[in-house]
Amino acid sequence: MYTKAGYIDLSLSLCLDETILSKYPVDEFMVDGDIVINFTGNGTLGRVGVYHDYDNPNNCPIVPDSHVTVIRCNRNVSGSFVFYVLKHYQPYMEKLGSGSTNQTELSAGILKTLLFPLPPLEEQKRIVAKIEELLPLCERLK
C-alpha cells in the first residue's frame, strides 16, 4: 500500500464489494493524516506511511486490512511528528519481525516498547518544520 519513502500508492490496493463496506464502523475508515505501519510482510515489514486525501483522487472509502496498524493522532499531537519518529524506528522495526520467511510479522507489543519522545505541541511543530526544511538538502546530497 505504501512505499519505503512513506508515500501511499493505492494502485496496489484491493477492492471490497460495496455490500461489505457497510459492515465496518465509521472509525475504521482511513482519514486524512492517518499514519499506517505495515505489520506483516517480507521486505515491507515496518514500513511507515501517511494517508492523505489526495492519495485517493476517486474518494473511495478505504478500510485497511489486518496487516496494517493505523495510528490516528488527536489535536494535541502532531501527526507529522509521530510519522518522523516512527520513520526513525523503521529500520529497527524491520529487524524485529518473527515467523516464516514469507510471512514475517511484528507483534503489536513492539510499538509499546519504543521510546517515544513527546515534547509540547509547539516544539513538535518546530521539529517537523526543521526536518522538512533539511530533507530536500539531504536528498540532494545523496
N, C-alpha and C. Protein backbone atom coordinates (compact mmCIF):
# COMPACT_ATOMS: atom_id res chain seq x y z
N MET A 1 0.81 -1.18 0.00
CA MET A 1 0.00 0.00 0.00
C MET A 1 0.86 1.26 0.00
N TYR A 2 2.03 1.21 0.64
CA TYR A 2 2.86 2.41 0.66
C TYR A 2 4.30 2.02 0.43
N THR A 3 5.06 3.01 0.02
CA THR A 3 6.43 2.77 -0.36
C THR A 3 7.36 2.98 0.82
N LYS A 4 8.60 2.60 0.66
CA LYS A 4 9.59 2.76 1.72
C LYS A 4 9.78 4.24 2.10
N ALA A 5 9.54 5.13 1.13
CA ALA A 5 9.70 6.57 1.38
C ALA A 5 8.52 7.16 2.15
N GLY A 6 7.47 6.37 2.38
CA GLY A 6 6.35 6.87 3.17
C GLY A 6 5.17 7.35 2.35
N TYR A 7 5.23 7.22 1.04
CA TYR A 7 4.14 7.67 0.20
C TYR A 7 3.14 6.54 -0.01
N ILE A 8 1.88 6.89 -0.07
CA ILE A 8 0.81 5.92 -0.26
C ILE A 8 0.61 5.67 -1.76
N ASP A 9 0.49 4.41 -2.14
CA ASP A 9 0.23 4.04 -3.52
C ASP A 9 -0.99 3.13 -3.53
N LEU A 10 -2.15 3.70 -3.82
CA LEU A 10 -3.39 2.93 -3.77
C LEU A 10 -3.57 2.02 -4.97
N SER A 11 -2.70 2.13 -5.96
CA SER A 11 -2.83 1.25 -7.13
C SER A 11 -2.57 -0.21 -6.73
N LEU A 12 -1.93 -0.42 -5.61
CA LEU A 12 -1.65 -1.77 -5.14
C LEU A 12 -2.76 -2.33 -4.24
N SER A 13 -3.79 -1.52 -3.97
CA SER A 13 -4.86 -1.93 -3.06
C SER A 13 -5.87 -2.82 -3.75
N LEU A 14 -6.52 -3.64 -2.93
CA LEU A 14 -7.61 -4.49 -3.41
C LEU A 14 -8.93 -3.82 -3.06
N CYS A 15 -9.96 -4.11 -3.84
CA CYS A 15 -11.27 -3.51 -3.61
C CYS A 15 -12.21 -4.49 -2.93
N LEU A 16 -13.02 -3.96 -2.04
CA LEU A 16 -14.06 -4.74 -1.37
C LEU A 16 -15.38 -4.56 -2.11
N ASP A 17 -16.23 -5.56 -2.01
CA ASP A 17 -17.58 -5.44 -2.54
C ASP A 17 -18.31 -4.35 -1.74
N GLU A 18 -19.09 -3.52 -2.41
CA GLU A 18 -19.79 -2.41 -1.75
C GLU A 18 -20.64 -2.88 -0.57
N THR A 19 -21.21 -4.07 -0.66
CA THR A 19 -22.07 -4.56 0.42
C THR A 19 -21.28 -4.86 1.69
N ILE A 20 -20.01 -5.16 1.55
CA ILE A 20 -19.17 -5.47 2.71
C ILE A 20 -18.77 -4.19 3.46
N LEU A 21 -18.62 -3.08 2.74
CA LEU A 21 -18.21 -1.82 3.36
C LEU A 21 -19.14 -1.41 4.50
N SER A 22 -20.42 -1.67 4.35
CA SER A 22 -21.38 -1.25 5.37
C SER A 22 -21.20 -2.00 6.70
N LYS A 23 -20.44 -3.06 6.69
CA LYS A 23 -20.20 -3.84 7.91
C LYS A 23 -19.11 -3.23 8.79
N TYR A 24 -18.37 -2.26 8.26
CA TYR A 24 -17.28 -1.63 9.00
C TYR A 24 -17.77 -0.39 9.73
N PRO A 25 -17.37 -0.20 10.99
CA PRO A 25 -17.72 1.03 11.70
C PRO A 25 -17.01 2.22 11.04
N VAL A 26 -17.61 3.36 11.14
CA VAL A 26 -17.09 4.58 10.50
C VAL A 26 -15.65 4.88 10.94
N ASP A 27 -15.32 4.63 12.20
CA ASP A 27 -13.98 4.98 12.69
C ASP A 27 -12.88 4.06 12.14
N GLU A 28 -13.23 3.00 11.42
CA GLU A 28 -12.22 2.13 10.81
C GLU A 28 -11.81 2.58 9.41
N PHE A 29 -12.53 3.53 8.84
CA PHE A 29 -12.19 4.04 7.52
C PHE A 29 -11.02 5.03 7.65
N MET A 30 -10.13 5.00 6.67
CA MET A 30 -8.96 5.88 6.68
C MET A 30 -9.42 7.34 6.57
N VAL A 31 -8.75 8.21 7.33
CA VAL A 31 -9.00 9.65 7.24
C VAL A 31 -7.67 10.36 7.00
N ASP A 32 -7.77 11.54 6.46
CA ASP A 32 -6.58 12.32 6.13
C ASP A 32 -5.67 12.45 7.36
N GLY A 33 -4.40 12.11 7.18
CA GLY A 33 -3.42 12.22 8.25
C GLY A 33 -3.18 10.94 9.04
N ASP A 34 -3.94 9.88 8.77
CA ASP A 34 -3.70 8.61 9.45
C ASP A 34 -2.30 8.10 9.13
N ILE A 35 -1.62 7.61 10.15
CA ILE A 35 -0.30 7.02 9.97
C ILE A 35 -0.49 5.51 9.92
N VAL A 36 0.14 4.87 8.95
CA VAL A 36 0.00 3.43 8.80
C VAL A 36 1.36 2.76 8.91
N ILE A 37 1.38 1.61 9.56
CA ILE A 37 2.60 0.81 9.71
C ILE A 37 2.28 -0.59 9.22
N ASN A 38 3.11 -1.10 8.33
CA ASN A 38 2.93 -2.45 7.82
C ASN A 38 3.46 -3.43 8.86
N PHE A 39 2.59 -4.29 9.39
CA PHE A 39 2.96 -5.24 10.43
C PHE A 39 3.20 -6.64 9.91
N THR A 40 3.02 -6.86 8.60
CA THR A 40 3.21 -8.18 8.02
C THR A 40 3.89 -8.05 6.67
N GLY A 41 4.80 -8.96 6.38
CA GLY A 41 5.38 -8.98 5.04
C GLY A 41 6.85 -9.28 5.04
N ASN A 42 7.34 -9.62 3.91
CA ASN A 42 8.75 -9.88 3.72
C ASN A 42 9.29 -8.76 2.83
N GLY A 43 10.13 -7.90 3.38
CA GLY A 43 10.65 -6.77 2.63
C GLY A 43 9.83 -5.50 2.81
N THR A 44 8.64 -5.61 3.39
CA THR A 44 7.81 -4.43 3.62
C THR A 44 7.50 -4.23 5.10
N LEU A 45 7.94 -5.13 5.93
CA LEU A 45 7.67 -5.09 7.36
C LEU A 45 8.21 -3.79 7.97
N GLY A 46 7.39 -3.12 8.77
CA GLY A 46 7.83 -1.93 9.47
C GLY A 46 7.73 -0.65 8.67
N ARG A 47 7.31 -0.73 7.41
CA ARG A 47 7.20 0.50 6.62
C ARG A 47 6.13 1.40 7.21
N VAL A 48 6.45 2.68 7.21
CA VAL A 48 5.57 3.69 7.79
C VAL A 48 5.14 4.64 6.69
N GLY A 49 3.87 4.98 6.67
CA GLY A 49 3.35 5.92 5.68
C GLY A 49 2.27 6.79 6.28
N VAL A 50 1.92 7.84 5.57
CA VAL A 50 0.83 8.73 5.99
C VAL A 50 -0.20 8.75 4.87
N TYR A 51 -1.44 8.51 5.25
CA TYR A 51 -2.53 8.59 4.28
C TYR A 51 -3.02 10.02 4.20
N HIS A 52 -3.13 10.51 2.97
CA HIS A 52 -3.71 11.84 2.72
C HIS A 52 -4.86 11.68 1.76
N ASP A 53 -5.85 12.56 1.87
CA ASP A 53 -6.99 12.51 0.97
C ASP A 53 -6.56 12.58 -0.49
N TYR A 54 -5.48 13.32 -0.79
CA TYR A 54 -5.04 13.44 -2.18
C TYR A 54 -4.45 12.13 -2.72
N ASP A 55 -4.16 11.16 -1.85
CA ASP A 55 -3.73 9.83 -2.30
C ASP A 55 -4.90 9.06 -2.91
N ASN A 56 -6.09 9.55 -2.70
CA ASN A 56 -7.32 8.87 -3.07
C ASN A 56 -8.17 9.80 -3.95
N PRO A 57 -7.72 10.06 -5.19
CA PRO A 57 -8.43 11.03 -6.03
C PRO A 57 -9.88 10.64 -6.36
N ASN A 58 -10.20 9.36 -6.29
CA ASN A 58 -11.58 8.93 -6.57
C ASN A 58 -12.45 8.96 -5.32
N ASN A 59 -11.87 9.34 -4.19
CA ASN A 59 -12.58 9.45 -2.92
C ASN A 59 -13.31 8.16 -2.54
N CYS A 60 -12.64 7.04 -2.77
CA CYS A 60 -13.20 5.73 -2.41
C CYS A 60 -13.02 5.51 -0.91
N PRO A 61 -14.00 4.91 -0.24
CA PRO A 61 -13.80 4.58 1.18
C PRO A 61 -12.71 3.52 1.30
N ILE A 62 -11.82 3.71 2.27
CA ILE A 62 -10.69 2.79 2.43
C ILE A 62 -10.69 2.24 3.85
N VAL A 63 -10.64 0.91 3.93
CA VAL A 63 -10.52 0.21 5.21
C VAL A 63 -9.21 -0.59 5.14
N PRO A 64 -8.25 -0.32 6.04
CA PRO A 64 -7.01 -1.09 5.99
C PRO A 64 -7.24 -2.54 6.42
N ASP A 65 -6.42 -3.42 5.88
CA ASP A 65 -6.56 -4.82 6.27
C ASP A 65 -5.84 -5.09 7.58
N SER A 66 -5.87 -6.32 8.03
CA SER A 66 -5.32 -6.68 9.33
C SER A 66 -3.79 -6.66 9.36
N HIS A 67 -3.16 -6.46 8.23
CA HIS A 67 -1.70 -6.42 8.17
C HIS A 67 -1.15 -5.02 8.39
N VAL A 68 -2.05 -4.07 8.59
CA VAL A 68 -1.66 -2.67 8.76
C VAL A 68 -2.18 -2.17 10.10
N THR A 69 -1.33 -1.47 10.81
CA THR A 69 -1.74 -0.80 12.04
C THR A 69 -1.90 0.68 11.74
N VAL A 70 -3.00 1.25 12.18
CA VAL A 70 -3.28 2.66 11.93
C VAL A 70 -3.14 3.43 13.23
N ILE A 71 -2.44 4.56 13.14
CA ILE A 71 -2.31 5.46 14.28
C ILE A 71 -2.99 6.76 13.88
N ARG A 72 -3.94 7.19 14.69
CA ARG A 72 -4.67 8.43 14.44
C ARG A 72 -4.42 9.35 15.62
N CYS A 73 -3.78 10.46 15.36
CA CYS A 73 -3.40 11.39 16.43
C CYS A 73 -4.55 12.32 16.78
N ASN A 74 -4.56 12.76 18.03
CA ASN A 74 -5.54 13.76 18.43
C ASN A 74 -4.95 15.15 18.20
N ARG A 75 -5.68 16.18 18.54
CA ARG A 75 -5.26 17.55 18.23
C ARG A 75 -4.07 18.02 19.07
N ASN A 76 -3.70 17.27 20.12
CA ASN A 76 -2.58 17.65 20.97
C ASN A 76 -1.25 17.04 20.53
N VAL A 77 -1.29 16.24 19.46
CA VAL A 77 -0.08 15.58 18.96
C VAL A 77 -0.01 15.79 17.45
N SER A 78 1.15 16.21 16.98
CA SER A 78 1.36 16.42 15.55
C SER A 78 1.54 15.08 14.85
N GLY A 79 0.65 14.78 13.90
CA GLY A 79 0.78 13.56 13.12
C GLY A 79 2.09 13.50 12.37
N SER A 80 2.55 14.63 11.87
CA SER A 80 3.83 14.66 11.15
C SER A 80 4.98 14.31 12.08
N PHE A 81 4.91 14.80 13.32
CA PHE A 81 5.96 14.47 14.29
C PHE A 81 5.98 12.97 14.57
N VAL A 82 4.80 12.39 14.79
CA VAL A 82 4.71 10.95 15.04
C VAL A 82 5.26 10.17 13.85
N PHE A 83 4.90 10.61 12.64
CA PHE A 83 5.40 9.96 11.43
C PHE A 83 6.93 9.96 11.40
N TYR A 84 7.56 11.09 11.64
CA TYR A 84 9.02 11.16 11.57
C TYR A 84 9.69 10.33 12.67
N VAL A 85 9.09 10.28 13.85
CA VAL A 85 9.66 9.44 14.91
C VAL A 85 9.57 7.97 14.48
N LEU A 86 8.41 7.57 13.95
CA LEU A 86 8.25 6.18 13.52
C LEU A 86 9.15 5.86 12.33
N LYS A 87 9.37 6.82 11.43
CA LYS A 87 10.30 6.60 10.31
C LYS A 87 11.71 6.35 10.85
N HIS A 88 12.06 7.03 11.92
CA HIS A 88 13.35 6.81 12.57
C HIS A 88 13.47 5.36 13.04
N TYR A 89 12.38 4.82 13.56
CA TYR A 89 12.36 3.45 14.07
C TYR A 89 12.15 2.40 12.97
N GLN A 90 11.87 2.82 11.74
CA GLN A 90 11.54 1.86 10.69
C GLN A 90 12.60 0.78 10.51
N PRO A 91 13.89 1.10 10.39
CA PRO A 91 14.89 0.03 10.24
C PRO A 91 14.91 -0.92 11.44
N TYR A 92 14.69 -0.38 12.61
CA TYR A 92 14.65 -1.20 13.83
C TYR A 92 13.46 -2.16 13.78
N MET A 93 12.29 -1.63 13.40
CA MET A 93 11.09 -2.48 13.33
C MET A 93 11.24 -3.56 12.27
N GLU A 94 11.91 -3.24 11.17
CA GLU A 94 12.11 -4.22 10.10
C GLU A 94 12.86 -5.46 10.61
N LYS A 95 13.72 -5.27 11.59
CA LYS A 95 14.53 -6.37 12.12
C LYS A 95 13.83 -7.19 13.20
N LEU A 96 12.70 -6.69 13.71
CA LEU A 96 12.05 -7.33 14.85
C LEU A 96 10.95 -8.32 14.48
N GLY A 97 10.74 -8.54 13.21
CA GLY A 97 9.70 -9.46 12.78
C GLY A 97 10.03 -10.89 13.16
N SER A 98 8.98 -11.67 13.34
CA SER A 98 9.17 -13.09 13.61
C SER A 98 8.20 -13.89 12.74
N GLY A 99 8.49 -15.16 12.58
CA GLY A 99 7.66 -16.02 11.76
C GLY A 99 8.44 -16.55 10.58
N SER A 100 7.74 -17.17 9.65
CA SER A 100 8.40 -17.75 8.50
C SER A 100 8.94 -16.65 7.59
N THR A 101 9.85 -17.00 6.72
CA THR A 101 10.49 -16.00 5.85
C THR A 101 9.52 -15.35 4.89
N ASN A 102 8.44 -16.03 4.53
CA ASN A 102 7.47 -15.44 3.60
C ASN A 102 6.36 -14.67 4.30
N GLN A 103 6.24 -14.82 5.61
CA GLN A 103 5.16 -14.15 6.33
C GLN A 103 5.65 -13.64 7.68
N THR A 104 6.67 -12.80 7.65
CA THR A 104 7.22 -12.22 8.87
C THR A 104 6.23 -11.19 9.43
N GLU A 105 6.08 -11.17 10.76
CA GLU A 105 5.13 -10.25 11.39
C GLU A 105 5.76 -9.55 12.58
N LEU A 106 5.29 -8.32 12.81
CA LEU A 106 5.62 -7.59 14.03
C LEU A 106 4.49 -7.85 15.01
N SER A 107 4.82 -7.97 16.27
CA SER A 107 3.75 -8.10 17.27
C SER A 107 3.29 -6.69 17.64
N ALA A 108 2.05 -6.59 18.06
CA ALA A 108 1.50 -5.29 18.44
C ALA A 108 2.28 -4.69 19.61
N GLY A 109 2.86 -5.53 20.43
CA GLY A 109 3.63 -5.05 21.57
C GLY A 109 4.90 -4.30 21.20
N ILE A 110 5.36 -4.46 19.96
CA ILE A 110 6.58 -3.78 19.53
C ILE A 110 6.43 -2.27 19.66
N LEU A 111 5.29 -1.73 19.25
CA LEU A 111 5.08 -0.29 19.36
C LEU A 111 5.14 0.17 20.81
N LYS A 112 4.66 -0.66 21.72
CA LYS A 112 4.65 -0.30 23.13
C LYS A 112 6.07 -0.22 23.70
N THR A 113 7.02 -0.90 23.09
CA THR A 113 8.38 -0.91 23.62
C THR A 113 9.23 0.25 23.10
N LEU A 114 8.73 0.96 22.09
CA LEU A 114 9.52 2.05 21.52
C LEU A 114 9.55 3.24 22.48
N LEU A 115 10.73 3.79 22.68
CA LEU A 115 10.84 5.02 23.46
C LEU A 115 10.39 6.15 22.54
N PHE A 116 9.36 6.86 22.95
CA PHE A 116 8.75 7.84 22.08
C PHE A 116 8.84 9.22 22.72
N PRO A 117 9.69 10.10 22.17
CA PRO A 117 9.80 11.45 22.73
C PRO A 117 8.53 12.23 22.40
N LEU A 118 7.99 12.96 23.36
CA LEU A 118 6.79 13.73 23.08
C LEU A 118 6.89 15.11 23.74
N PRO A 119 7.58 16.02 23.04
CA PRO A 119 7.67 17.38 23.56
C PRO A 119 6.32 18.08 23.42
N PRO A 120 6.19 19.28 23.97
CA PRO A 120 4.95 20.05 23.79
C PRO A 120 4.65 20.25 22.30
N LEU A 121 3.39 20.45 21.98
CA LEU A 121 2.93 20.54 20.60
C LEU A 121 3.71 21.58 19.79
N GLU A 122 3.94 22.74 20.35
CA GLU A 122 4.66 23.78 19.60
C GLU A 122 6.08 23.34 19.26
N GLU A 123 6.72 22.61 20.16
CA GLU A 123 8.06 22.08 19.88
C GLU A 123 8.00 20.99 18.82
N GLN A 124 6.96 20.16 18.85
CA GLN A 124 6.78 19.16 17.80
C GLN A 124 6.72 19.84 16.44
N LYS A 125 5.95 20.93 16.37
CA LYS A 125 5.80 21.65 15.10
C LYS A 125 7.13 22.25 14.64
N ARG A 126 7.92 22.79 15.57
CA ARG A 126 9.24 23.34 15.22
C ARG A 126 10.17 22.24 14.70
N ILE A 127 10.13 21.08 15.33
CA ILE A 127 10.97 19.96 14.90
C ILE A 127 10.58 19.51 13.50
N VAL A 128 9.28 19.38 13.25
CA VAL A 128 8.79 18.97 11.92
C VAL A 128 9.21 20.00 10.88
N ALA A 129 9.07 21.28 11.19
CA ALA A 129 9.44 22.33 10.24
C ALA A 129 10.93 22.24 9.90
N LYS A 130 11.77 21.98 10.88
CA LYS A 130 13.22 21.87 10.64
C LYS A 130 13.54 20.63 9.80
N ILE A 131 12.89 19.51 10.12
CA ILE A 131 13.10 18.29 9.33
C ILE A 131 12.71 18.54 7.88
N GLU A 132 11.54 19.15 7.67
CA GLU A 132 11.07 19.38 6.31
C GLU A 132 11.90 20.42 5.58
N GLU A 133 12.55 21.29 6.32
CA GLU A 133 13.47 22.26 5.71
C GLU A 133 14.75 21.55 5.24
N LEU A 134 15.23 20.59 6.05
CA LEU A 134 16.50 19.94 5.76
C LEU A 134 16.40 18.70 4.86
N LEU A 135 15.24 18.07 4.78
CA LEU A 135 15.10 16.86 3.96
C LEU A 135 15.48 17.07 2.49
N PRO A 136 15.05 18.15 1.84
CA PRO A 136 15.46 18.35 0.45
C PRO A 136 16.98 18.44 0.30
N LEU A 137 17.65 19.06 1.25
CA LEU A 137 19.10 19.14 1.22
C LEU A 137 19.72 17.74 1.35
N CYS A 138 19.18 16.93 2.25
CA CYS A 138 19.66 15.56 2.41
C CYS A 138 19.48 14.77 1.12
N GLU A 139 18.35 14.93 0.46
CA GLU A 139 18.09 14.23 -0.79
C GLU A 139 19.09 14.64 -1.87
N ARG A 140 19.39 15.94 -1.94
CA ARG A 140 20.36 16.43 -2.94
C ARG A 140 21.75 15.90 -2.66
N LEU A 141 22.10 15.74 -1.38
CA LEU A 141 23.43 15.27 -1.02
C LEU A 141 23.63 13.78 -1.25
N LYS A 142 22.53 13.03 -1.36
CA LYS A 142 22.64 11.59 -1.62
C LYS A 142 23.29 11.40 -2.95
